[in-house]
Amino acid sequence: MFDLTMMKKLVLLVALILFVFSPNFGFSQCAMCKAVAETSSEGAEEIGQGLNVGIVYLMFFPYLLIGIISYAWYRHNKKNKQAAQ
């Protein structure tokens, strides 16, 4: 029904659509933490923004790690295919 190339293209298309159409993608990770920080003291808006940026910063590294591992796996499989031919 689906070959592997078509499945890869489909997964990439779905991921791209989800990324493009997600509202406030980068700054909506932790609404509860931000709400608590905003109501905690004076100047809470700055604290809330700083907390939210910190959360985004911490979430960047797992995705970076997954990307690096995926790329290494892709290259490894590509080399194995070329060696098999």
N, C-alpha and C. Protein backbone atom coordinates (compact mmCIF):
# COMPACT_ATOMS: atom_id res chain seq x y z
N MET A 1 0.83 -1.19 0.00
CA MET A 1 0.00 0.00 0.00
C MET A 1 0.88 1.25 0.00
N PHE A 2 1.65 1.49 1.07
CA PHE A 2 2.58 2.61 1.14
C PHE A 2 3.99 2.06 1.14
N ASP A 3 4.85 2.62 0.33
CA ASP A 3 6.25 2.25 0.44
C ASP A 3 6.92 3.17 1.46
N LEU A 4 8.14 2.86 1.82
CA LEU A 4 8.83 3.57 2.90
C LEU A 4 9.05 5.04 2.55
N THR A 5 9.37 5.34 1.32
CA THR A 5 9.59 6.73 0.91
C THR A 5 8.32 7.55 1.04
N MET A 6 7.22 6.98 0.63
CA MET A 6 5.95 7.71 0.73
C MET A 6 5.58 7.92 2.19
N MET A 7 5.84 6.93 3.04
CA MET A 7 5.53 7.06 4.46
C MET A 7 6.37 8.16 5.10
N LYS A 8 7.64 8.24 4.73
CA LYS A 8 8.50 9.31 5.25
C LYS A 8 7.99 10.68 4.83
N LYS A 9 7.58 10.80 3.60
CA LYS A 9 7.04 12.07 3.12
C LYS A 9 5.75 12.44 3.86
N LEU A 10 4.92 11.45 4.13
CA LEU A 10 3.67 11.70 4.83
C LEU A 10 3.93 12.16 6.27
N VAL A 11 4.86 11.50 6.95
CA VAL A 11 5.20 11.89 8.32
C VAL A 11 5.78 13.30 8.34
N LEU A 12 6.65 13.62 7.39
CA LEU A 12 7.22 14.95 7.31
C LEU A 12 6.15 16.01 7.04
N LEU A 13 5.22 15.70 6.18
CA LEU A 13 4.13 16.63 5.87
C LEU A 13 3.25 16.88 7.09
N VAL A 14 2.91 15.83 7.82
CA VAL A 14 2.07 15.98 9.02
C VAL A 14 2.81 16.80 10.08
N ALA A 15 4.10 16.52 10.26
CA ALA A 15 4.89 17.28 11.24
C ALA A 15 4.97 18.75 10.85
N LEU A 16 5.16 19.02 9.58
CA LEU A 16 5.24 20.40 9.10
C LEU A 16 3.91 21.12 9.31
N ILE A 17 2.82 20.45 9.01
CA ILE A 17 1.49 21.06 9.20
C ILE A 17 1.24 21.36 10.67
N LEU A 18 1.58 20.43 11.55
CA LEU A 18 1.39 20.66 12.98
C LEU A 18 2.26 21.81 13.48
N PHE A 19 3.47 21.91 12.97
CA PHE A 19 4.37 22.98 13.38
C PHE A 19 3.88 24.34 12.90
N VAL A 20 3.45 24.42 11.66
CA VAL A 20 3.04 25.70 11.09
C VAL A 20 1.73 26.20 11.69
N PHE A 21 0.78 25.31 11.94
CA PHE A 21 -0.53 25.74 12.38
C PHE A 21 -0.73 25.72 13.89
N SER A 22 0.31 25.48 14.66
CA SER A 22 0.15 25.52 16.11
C SER A 22 0.29 26.96 16.60
N PRO A 23 -0.70 27.46 17.32
CA PRO A 23 -0.63 28.86 17.76
C PRO A 23 0.37 29.04 18.89
N ASN A 24 1.09 30.13 18.84
CA ASN A 24 2.07 30.47 19.88
C ASN A 24 2.97 29.29 20.21
N PHE A 25 3.56 28.71 19.20
CA PHE A 25 4.33 27.48 19.36
C PHE A 25 5.45 27.62 20.38
N GLY A 26 6.19 28.67 20.33
CA GLY A 26 7.36 28.78 21.18
C GLY A 26 7.09 29.23 22.59
N PHE A 27 6.00 29.90 22.85
CA PHE A 27 5.78 30.49 24.16
C PHE A 27 4.48 30.03 24.81
N SER A 28 4.16 28.76 24.71
CA SER A 28 2.93 28.30 25.34
C SER A 28 3.13 26.98 26.08
N GLN A 29 4.33 26.72 26.55
CA GLN A 29 4.61 25.44 27.17
C GLN A 29 3.98 25.29 28.54
N CYS A 30 4.04 26.29 29.38
CA CYS A 30 3.61 26.10 30.75
C CYS A 30 2.73 27.27 31.21
N ALA A 31 1.46 27.18 30.90
CA ALA A 31 0.54 28.27 31.24
C ALA A 31 0.36 28.40 32.74
N MET A 32 0.33 27.30 33.45
CA MET A 32 0.13 27.34 34.91
C MET A 32 1.32 27.99 35.60
N CYS A 33 2.54 27.63 35.20
CA CYS A 33 3.73 28.23 35.82
C CYS A 33 3.77 29.73 35.57
N LYS A 34 3.45 30.12 34.35
CA LYS A 34 3.46 31.54 34.02
C LYS A 34 2.39 32.28 34.82
N ALA A 35 1.21 31.71 34.96
CA ALA A 35 0.13 32.36 35.72
C ALA A 35 0.53 32.53 37.18
N VAL A 36 1.16 31.54 37.77
CA VAL A 36 1.59 31.63 39.16
C VAL A 36 2.66 32.71 39.31
N ALA A 37 3.60 32.74 38.40
CA ALA A 37 4.68 33.72 38.48
C ALA A 37 4.15 35.14 38.28
N GLU A 38 3.15 35.32 37.42
CA GLU A 38 2.61 36.65 37.16
C GLU A 38 1.84 37.19 38.36
N THR A 39 1.25 36.33 39.14
CA THR A 39 0.47 36.80 40.28
C THR A 39 1.27 36.79 41.57
N SER A 40 2.53 36.45 41.53
CA SER A 40 3.28 36.27 42.77
C SER A 40 3.76 37.59 43.38
N SER A 41 4.15 38.57 42.57
CA SER A 41 4.69 39.81 43.14
C SER A 41 4.59 40.93 42.13
N GLU A 42 5.10 42.11 42.54
CA GLU A 42 5.14 43.23 41.61
C GLU A 42 6.17 42.92 40.53
N GLY A 43 5.94 43.45 39.36
CA GLY A 43 6.84 43.17 38.25
C GLY A 43 6.75 41.72 37.81
N ALA A 44 5.59 41.12 38.09
CA ALA A 44 5.42 39.69 37.82
C ALA A 44 5.41 39.38 36.34
N GLU A 45 5.04 40.38 35.52
CA GLU A 45 5.03 40.13 34.07
C GLU A 45 6.43 39.79 33.58
N GLU A 46 7.42 40.51 34.10
CA GLU A 46 8.81 40.22 33.73
C GLU A 46 9.22 38.84 34.24
N ILE A 47 8.80 38.50 35.44
CA ILE A 47 9.12 37.19 36.01
C ILE A 47 8.46 36.09 35.18
N GLY A 48 7.21 36.31 34.82
CA GLY A 48 6.49 35.32 34.02
C GLY A 48 7.11 35.12 32.66
N GLN A 49 7.52 36.22 32.02
CA GLN A 49 8.17 36.11 30.72
C GLN A 49 9.51 35.40 30.84
N GLY A 50 10.25 35.72 31.89
CA GLY A 50 11.53 35.05 32.11
C GLY A 50 11.37 33.57 32.38
N LEU A 51 10.35 33.22 33.14
CA LEU A 51 10.08 31.81 33.42
C LEU A 51 9.69 31.07 32.15
N ASN A 52 8.86 31.70 31.35
CA ASN A 52 8.43 31.08 30.11
C ASN A 52 9.60 30.91 29.14
N VAL A 53 10.46 31.89 29.03
CA VAL A 53 11.65 31.77 28.17
C VAL A 53 12.56 30.66 28.69
N GLY A 54 12.68 30.53 30.00
CA GLY A 54 13.49 29.46 30.58
C GLY A 54 12.94 28.08 30.24
N ILE A 55 11.63 27.95 30.26
CA ILE A 55 11.01 26.68 29.90
C ILE A 55 11.27 26.35 28.43
N VAL A 56 11.14 27.34 27.57
CA VAL A 56 11.43 27.12 26.15
C VAL A 56 12.90 26.73 25.97
N TYR A 57 13.79 27.37 26.68
CA TYR A 57 15.22 27.07 26.61
C TYR A 57 15.49 25.63 27.03
N LEU A 58 14.86 25.20 28.12
CA LEU A 58 15.06 23.83 28.59
C LEU A 58 14.46 22.79 27.63
N MET A 59 13.39 23.14 26.94
CA MET A 59 12.78 22.20 26.00
C MET A 59 13.55 22.10 24.70
N PHE A 60 14.42 23.05 24.39
CA PHE A 60 15.17 23.05 23.15
C PHE A 60 16.15 21.87 23.09
N PHE A 61 16.82 21.56 24.17
CA PHE A 61 17.88 20.56 24.15
C PHE A 61 17.39 19.13 23.92
N PRO A 62 16.28 18.69 24.48
CA PRO A 62 15.81 17.35 24.12
C PRO A 62 15.49 17.22 22.64
N TYR A 63 14.88 18.26 22.06
CA TYR A 63 14.58 18.21 20.63
C TYR A 63 15.86 18.24 19.81
N LEU A 64 16.84 19.00 20.23
CA LEU A 64 18.13 19.02 19.55
C LEU A 64 18.79 17.65 19.61
N LEU A 65 18.75 17.01 20.76
CA LEU A 65 19.33 15.68 20.92
C LEU A 65 18.62 14.66 20.04
N ILE A 66 17.31 14.71 19.99
CA ILE A 66 16.56 13.80 19.12
C ILE A 66 16.91 14.04 17.66
N GLY A 67 17.07 15.29 17.27
CA GLY A 67 17.46 15.61 15.89
C GLY A 67 18.84 15.08 15.54
N ILE A 68 19.79 15.22 16.45
CA ILE A 68 21.14 14.73 16.19
C ILE A 68 21.15 13.21 16.08
N ILE A 69 20.45 12.54 16.98
CA ILE A 69 20.39 11.08 16.93
C ILE A 69 19.70 10.61 15.65
N SER A 70 18.63 11.29 15.25
CA SER A 70 17.93 10.92 14.02
C SER A 70 18.82 11.11 12.80
N TYR A 71 19.56 12.20 12.76
CA TYR A 71 20.46 12.44 11.63
C TYR A 71 21.57 11.40 11.58
N ALA A 72 22.14 11.05 12.74
CA ALA A 72 23.18 10.02 12.78
C ALA A 72 22.63 8.67 12.32
N TRP A 73 21.41 8.36 12.72
CA TRP A 73 20.78 7.11 12.32
C TRP A 73 20.55 7.10 10.81
N TYR A 74 20.10 8.22 10.27
CA TYR A 74 19.87 8.34 8.83
C TYR A 74 21.17 8.12 8.05
N ARG A 75 22.25 8.78 8.49
CA ARG A 75 23.53 8.62 7.81
C ARG A 75 24.04 7.19 7.89
N HIS A 76 23.85 6.56 9.05
CA HIS A 76 24.29 5.18 9.23
C HIS A 76 23.54 4.25 8.28
N ASN A 77 22.21 4.44 8.19
CA ASN A 77 21.42 3.62 7.28
C ASN A 77 21.78 3.87 5.83
N LYS A 78 22.06 5.12 5.49
CA LYS A 78 22.44 5.47 4.13
C LYS A 78 23.75 4.80 3.75
N LYS A 79 24.73 4.78 4.65
CA LYS A 79 26.01 4.12 4.39
C LYS A 79 25.83 2.62 4.23
N ASN A 80 24.97 2.03 5.04
CA ASN A 80 24.72 0.59 4.95
C ASN A 80 24.08 0.24 3.62
N LYS A 81 23.15 1.07 3.13
CA LYS A 81 22.52 0.83 1.85
C LYS A 81 23.52 0.93 0.70
N GLN A 82 24.41 1.93 0.79
CA GLN A 82 25.42 2.09 -0.26
C GLN A 82 26.42 0.93 -0.24
N ALA A 83 26.77 0.44 0.92
CA ALA A 83 27.71 -0.68 1.03
C ALA A 83 27.08 -1.97 0.53
N ALA A 84 25.75 -2.11 0.69
CA ALA A 84 25.06 -3.32 0.25
C ALA A 84 24.94 -3.37 -1.27
N GLN A 85 25.00 -2.23 -1.91
CA GLN A 85 24.86 -2.21 -3.37
C GLN A 85 26.18 -2.52 -3.95
